[in-house]
């Protein structure tokens, strides 16, 4: 209960009316403080639980908040409104009579592709369009404003036209995408005084977790829900977050929301939770050493009462393969000699394509692992489809070749329907032949489908005829070129900041360089389908830093600490430093940092962050004067 909170946690939890920001360092008990605050609001301040709104960003986080509130409030916890911001907006719109269906995931992708096809938009990828439209909506920029903003930029004007047509098409079909949920809820509250007053008066207390991740439309929406003048109407707006962990600028989130909170809300209180319960002093010193170089920050001294632990260990390797083997050797020692379990350990990286070397080293050495909220390297669609092309080329007249052919018929899109696939299977069954032979001889009724299938056969025939003498790396490149494969893959999915699909394809090609025949390369990749090792929830966790946010592990390895990767050459340096901060602050007892001297076959330069973490770099400014 609240008496178990430390003094700073208790002070933040007991804040009564008004506006407050709780700045919480990693592992400082932020969520617990938030739940105890809700208990105090109900049990001590007499606020009805249904007048309390708690918001966060992910369903998992909302579920965790709910489970942690039960011991505090018991049966009353179910009456507190805890949800994601998107879920809250959905409920608001439905309650106010808006009629619509949600356009999500693949449906949104298909829908916007149809819009682009109608506009004959070929100079811009679907991924770019989705990213720019989402960013615009998150910044409350409508299609007209978008056009004004990018007037004269040919590519962005094309995006603007698609944005306008996309919104019109959705409106005609009564559809909203996930970004629309936020935007439409904001417009409804902004433009309808009666509804605004209704919701502004609904909640005596609003709490927001991970406040640093708010984008402009979410922030604007919240400002419409709260009463900033609490002198005449007692209420509270209480947010929690950490500017050091603001790593979502790609969604429009701005670290300025939390840094400038007191300027935006004059008279508001600020509480700093600086006691870390998670990590050793050595790990916290590394975190402090790193983050001190950011100019835009709320300065905090990271403290802990935990006993001393081991120094941070830096591993240097000649290349990515030896880096992965170095990680393997350390894990073997940790498990066999130091008593750690595989599930105690996490390997973190900046981008998904980096997992290949680690996965291969783990599988070769029988170290169980799983990819957190993701797929193993050779199971990723863009990789798997290229391997299926190789399987057809290697063994067209086999069951393996049949299965692979069905997988690639529409990669890229050739409009081969399930009906045509069934006709092909029946045709081959009657003649006792395999599917590729049937594809060559069966007449397909639809002319444009027949033409595209003939082009596929025309491409495959010489490769199949020379399969034994072809190098897999060359064949992969031919597939990429002949079918504009990279463009297809980029257009096939909603873009992600840490899953660069082209980089995954490049990694597959790098893996293929070592093999002189397609058969040998396929034998190698097939050996990594050992699910007993590669999908073991009790194994080592492999994940990107973004996926690791909010998690903690006794042992953490952060790999690939080279310039151009961490920090990324594309990102803002201060945000890249915050990404690295999130990575190293996941560690409880042991932290390993590694870098290869050669990366992607070229000499690399170790990350500037390494010298900052270890303390070999002098601060660029006087933090005492900041």
Foldseek 3Di string as FASTA:
>chain_A
DLVPQDPLLNVQLQDFFAEEEEAEDPQLCPLVSVLLSLLCCCVPVPDQQLQEEEEEADPVVQVVSLVSNCVSPPPSSVNHHGYYPLVVLVVLCVVVPQDADEQDFQSLLVLLVVLCVVVVPDPDFLQVLLLVLLLCLLQVHALVNQCVVCPPPVVSVSSSVSRVSSVVVRVVRRYDYSSVSLNVSLCCLVPDVVSLVVQLPRHQEYEYEQQQARAPSSVSNVVSNYDLPCPVPTGYYYYYHHLLQNQPCSSRGDSCCNLCVCVVRPPYYYGYSQEHAFAAPQLLLLLLLLLLQDPRGDDGRHHYPDYHFDHAAEAEAAELLVLLVVVVVVVCCCVPPVPDFQLLEAEAFAADLSCVSNLLNCLVVLFAEEEPPDDHLCPPLLNVLLLLLLQCLACVFDPSVQVSCVSCLVLPHLPCDVVNVVVLVVQCVVVVTGSLVSLVPPDDDDVSSNVVSVLVNVVRVVSSVCQFQAQSLVVLVVVCPVRVNLSSVSSSGHDDSRYNPVSSSLSLSVQSVVDRGSVVSSVSVVSSPPCVRHHDSSHYYYYYLVSCQPAAGQEYEYEAQFPCTQVNPPDDNSSSSSSVSSRSSRHRHHYYYYHHCAYPNHGTHGHPSVCSSVVVDDHPDDSVVD
